[in-house]
């Protein structure tokens, strides 16, 4: 199983901004850290939903990324 790195940073407007460096344009936000992480899971799922290896490669995404593990991140 592969992992994706998420980058969580405090947002100037409050809450937390999340980016997924391996998935261009995959960004989200949450009012709390837990919400931001949950939203990241959903954003990643939506990003990858319906994609094929060819379309992900064309977008610059490594084709071996097929799932997400965020369990190591505190909620």
N, C-alpha and C. Protein backbone atom coordinates (compact mmCIF):
# COMPACT_ATOMS: atom_id res chain seq x y z
N UNK A 1 0.84 -1.17 0.00
CA UNK A 1 0.00 0.00 0.00
C UNK A 1 0.89 1.24 0.00
N UNK A 2 0.56 2.21 -0.82
CA UNK A 2 1.33 3.44 -0.90
C UNK A 2 0.75 4.50 0.02
N UNK A 3 1.55 5.51 0.30
CA UNK A 3 1.12 6.59 1.16
C UNK A 3 1.24 7.90 0.41
N UNK A 4 0.42 8.84 0.81
CA UNK A 4 0.50 10.20 0.29
C UNK A 4 0.86 11.12 1.45
N UNK A 5 1.71 12.07 1.18
CA UNK A 5 2.06 13.08 2.17
C UNK A 5 1.07 14.23 2.06
N UNK A 6 0.57 14.69 3.19
CA UNK A 6 -0.23 15.91 3.19
C UNK A 6 0.56 16.97 3.96
N UNK A 7 0.38 18.21 3.57
CA UNK A 7 1.02 19.33 4.25
C UNK A 7 -0.10 20.15 4.88
N UNK A 8 -0.06 20.25 6.20
CA UNK A 8 -1.07 20.99 6.94
C UNK A 8 -0.41 22.22 7.54
N UNK A 9 -1.00 23.38 7.29
CA UNK A 9 -0.44 24.64 7.81
C UNK A 9 -1.56 25.52 8.34
N UNK A 10 -1.28 26.27 9.41
CA UNK A 10 -2.28 27.21 9.88
C UNK A 10 -2.64 28.20 8.77
N UNK A 11 -3.92 28.50 8.65
CA UNK A 11 -4.40 29.43 7.63
C UNK A 11 -4.55 30.81 8.25
N UNK A 12 -4.17 31.83 7.51
CA UNK A 12 -4.26 33.20 8.03
C UNK A 12 -5.68 33.57 8.44
N UNK A 13 -6.68 33.00 7.76
CA UNK A 13 -8.07 33.31 8.07
C UNK A 13 -8.64 32.42 9.17
N UNK A 14 -7.80 31.57 9.72
CA UNK A 14 -8.23 30.65 10.76
C UNK A 14 -8.30 29.23 10.22
N UNK A 15 -8.20 28.28 11.09
CA UNK A 15 -8.24 26.89 10.67
C UNK A 15 -6.93 26.44 10.07
N UNK A 16 -7.01 25.42 9.23
CA UNK A 16 -5.82 24.81 8.65
C UNK A 16 -6.01 24.58 7.16
N UNK A 17 -4.98 24.92 6.39
CA UNK A 17 -4.96 24.65 4.96
C UNK A 17 -4.19 23.35 4.73
N UNK A 18 -4.66 22.55 3.80
CA UNK A 18 -4.02 21.26 3.50
C UNK A 18 -3.74 21.19 2.00
N UNK A 19 -2.52 20.77 1.66
CA UNK A 19 -2.17 20.48 0.28
C UNK A 19 -1.65 19.06 0.20
N UNK A 20 -1.77 18.48 -0.98
CA UNK A 20 -1.27 17.13 -1.24
C UNK A 20 -0.25 17.26 -2.36
N UNK A 21 1.04 17.36 -2.02
CA UNK A 21 2.07 17.64 -3.04
C UNK A 21 2.08 16.67 -4.22
N UNK A 22 1.74 15.40 -4.00
CA UNK A 22 1.77 14.42 -5.08
C UNK A 22 0.56 14.50 -6.01
N UNK A 23 -0.45 15.29 -5.64
CA UNK A 23 -1.65 15.42 -6.46
C UNK A 23 -1.85 16.89 -6.80
N UNK A 24 -1.36 17.34 -7.94
CA UNK A 24 -1.43 18.76 -8.29
C UNK A 24 -2.86 19.31 -8.21
N UNK A 25 -3.00 20.41 -7.47
CA UNK A 25 -4.30 21.05 -7.33
C UNK A 25 -5.18 20.46 -6.26
N UNK A 26 -4.73 19.44 -5.55
CA UNK A 26 -5.53 18.82 -4.50
C UNK A 26 -5.28 19.59 -3.21
N UNK A 27 -6.22 20.45 -2.86
CA UNK A 27 -6.10 21.28 -1.66
C UNK A 27 -7.44 21.27 -0.93
N UNK A 28 -7.38 21.54 0.37
CA UNK A 28 -8.61 21.63 1.15
C UNK A 28 -8.33 22.46 2.40
N UNK A 29 -9.28 22.55 3.29
CA UNK A 29 -9.21 23.41 4.47
C UNK A 29 -10.08 22.79 5.55
N UNK A 30 -9.81 23.13 6.78
CA UNK A 30 -10.67 22.71 7.89
C UNK A 30 -10.54 23.68 9.05
N UNK A 31 -11.62 23.86 9.79
CA UNK A 31 -11.59 24.77 10.94
C UNK A 31 -10.74 24.22 12.07
N UNK A 32 -10.66 22.89 12.19
CA UNK A 32 -9.82 22.25 13.19
C UNK A 32 -8.86 21.31 12.47
N UNK A 33 -7.83 20.87 13.17
CA UNK A 33 -6.88 19.94 12.57
C UNK A 33 -7.57 18.64 12.15
N UNK A 34 -8.43 18.13 13.01
CA UNK A 34 -9.14 16.89 12.69
C UNK A 34 -10.02 17.04 11.46
N UNK A 35 -10.73 18.16 11.37
CA UNK A 35 -11.57 18.42 10.20
C UNK A 35 -10.73 18.56 8.95
N UNK A 36 -9.59 19.24 9.07
CA UNK A 36 -8.71 19.42 7.91
C UNK A 36 -8.21 18.06 7.40
N UNK A 37 -7.86 17.16 8.30
CA UNK A 37 -7.38 15.83 7.91
C UNK A 37 -8.52 15.02 7.29
N UNK A 38 -9.70 15.08 7.89
CA UNK A 38 -10.86 14.39 7.31
C UNK A 38 -11.16 14.93 5.91
N UNK A 39 -11.09 16.26 5.76
CA UNK A 39 -11.33 16.86 4.45
C UNK A 39 -10.26 16.45 3.44
N UNK A 40 -9.02 16.26 3.92
CA UNK A 40 -7.95 15.80 3.04
C UNK A 40 -8.25 14.40 2.54
N UNK A 41 -8.71 13.53 3.41
CA UNK A 41 -9.08 12.17 2.98
C UNK A 41 -10.13 12.23 1.88
N UNK A 42 -11.15 13.07 2.10
CA UNK A 42 -12.23 13.19 1.12
C UNK A 42 -11.71 13.80 -0.19
N UNK A 43 -10.88 14.82 -0.10
CA UNK A 43 -10.34 15.46 -1.31
C UNK A 43 -9.50 14.48 -2.12
N UNK A 44 -8.69 13.68 -1.44
CA UNK A 44 -7.86 12.69 -2.13
C UNK A 44 -8.73 11.65 -2.80
N UNK A 45 -9.74 11.18 -2.10
CA UNK A 45 -10.66 10.19 -2.67
C UNK A 45 -11.34 10.75 -3.92
N UNK A 46 -11.84 11.98 -3.83
CA UNK A 46 -12.50 12.60 -4.97
C UNK A 46 -11.53 12.82 -6.12
N UNK A 47 -10.31 13.21 -5.80
CA UNK A 47 -9.29 13.45 -6.83
C UNK A 47 -9.02 12.17 -7.61
N UNK A 48 -8.89 11.06 -6.88
CA UNK A 48 -8.52 9.80 -7.52
C UNK A 48 -9.71 9.04 -8.10
N UNK A 49 -10.93 9.39 -7.69
CA UNK A 49 -12.12 8.70 -8.15
C UNK A 49 -12.28 8.85 -9.66
N UNK A 50 -12.35 7.74 -10.34
CA UNK A 50 -12.57 7.76 -11.77
C UNK A 50 -11.33 8.01 -12.60
N UNK A 51 -10.21 8.25 -11.95
CA UNK A 51 -8.97 8.46 -12.69
C UNK A 51 -8.40 7.13 -13.15
N UNK A 52 -7.67 7.17 -14.23
CA UNK A 52 -6.96 5.99 -14.71
C UNK A 52 -5.47 6.23 -14.56
N UNK A 53 -4.69 5.20 -14.65
CA UNK A 53 -3.24 5.36 -14.59
C UNK A 53 -2.77 6.33 -15.67
N UNK A 54 -3.35 6.25 -16.86
CA UNK A 54 -2.94 7.13 -17.97
C UNK A 54 -3.27 8.59 -17.67
N UNK A 55 -4.47 8.85 -17.14
CA UNK A 55 -4.83 10.24 -16.85
C UNK A 55 -4.01 10.80 -15.70
N UNK A 56 -3.71 9.96 -14.71
CA UNK A 56 -2.87 10.41 -13.60
C UNK A 56 -1.45 10.69 -14.08
N UNK A 57 -0.92 9.82 -14.94
CA UNK A 57 0.41 10.07 -15.50
C UNK A 57 0.45 11.35 -16.30
N UNK A 58 -0.59 11.63 -17.08
CA UNK A 58 -0.66 12.85 -17.87
C UNK A 58 -0.67 14.08 -16.98
N UNK A 59 -1.24 13.95 -15.78
CA UNK A 59 -1.30 15.06 -14.83
C UNK A 59 -0.04 15.15 -13.98
N UNK A 60 0.90 14.22 -14.20
CA UNK A 60 2.14 14.24 -13.42
C UNK A 60 2.06 13.52 -12.11
N UNK A 61 1.02 12.71 -11.91
CA UNK A 61 0.84 11.96 -10.67
C UNK A 61 1.43 10.57 -10.87
N UNK A 62 2.16 10.10 -9.90
CA UNK A 62 2.73 8.75 -9.98
C UNK A 62 1.59 7.74 -10.05
N UNK A 63 1.64 6.87 -11.00
CA UNK A 63 0.54 5.93 -11.20
C UNK A 63 0.44 4.88 -10.10
N UNK A 64 1.51 4.67 -9.33
CA UNK A 64 1.43 3.65 -8.28
C UNK A 64 0.67 4.14 -7.06
N UNK A 65 0.31 5.41 -7.00
CA UNK A 65 -0.47 5.91 -5.87
C UNK A 65 -1.92 5.47 -6.08
N UNK A 66 -2.36 4.53 -5.25
CA UNK A 66 -3.71 4.02 -5.42
C UNK A 66 -4.56 4.14 -4.16
N UNK A 67 -3.94 4.47 -3.05
CA UNK A 67 -4.70 4.57 -1.82
C UNK A 67 -4.01 5.56 -0.88
N UNK A 68 -4.64 5.85 0.22
CA UNK A 68 -4.15 6.87 1.14
C UNK A 68 -4.14 6.33 2.56
N UNK A 69 -3.05 6.59 3.26
CA UNK A 69 -2.98 6.24 4.67
C UNK A 69 -2.62 7.51 5.44
N UNK A 70 -3.51 7.93 6.31
CA UNK A 70 -3.27 9.13 7.11
C UNK A 70 -3.33 8.81 8.60
N UNK A 71 -3.30 7.54 8.93
CA UNK A 71 -3.47 7.12 10.32
C UNK A 71 -2.39 7.67 11.26
N UNK A 72 -1.22 7.98 10.75
CA UNK A 72 -0.13 8.45 11.60
C UNK A 72 -0.30 9.91 11.99
N UNK A 73 -1.24 10.61 11.38
CA UNK A 73 -1.46 12.03 11.66
C UNK A 73 -2.45 12.14 12.80
N UNK A 74 -2.13 12.89 13.86
CA UNK A 74 -3.08 13.00 14.98
C UNK A 74 -4.36 13.71 14.55
N UNK A 75 -5.47 13.22 15.03
CA UNK A 75 -6.78 13.80 14.69
C UNK A 75 -7.09 15.00 15.55
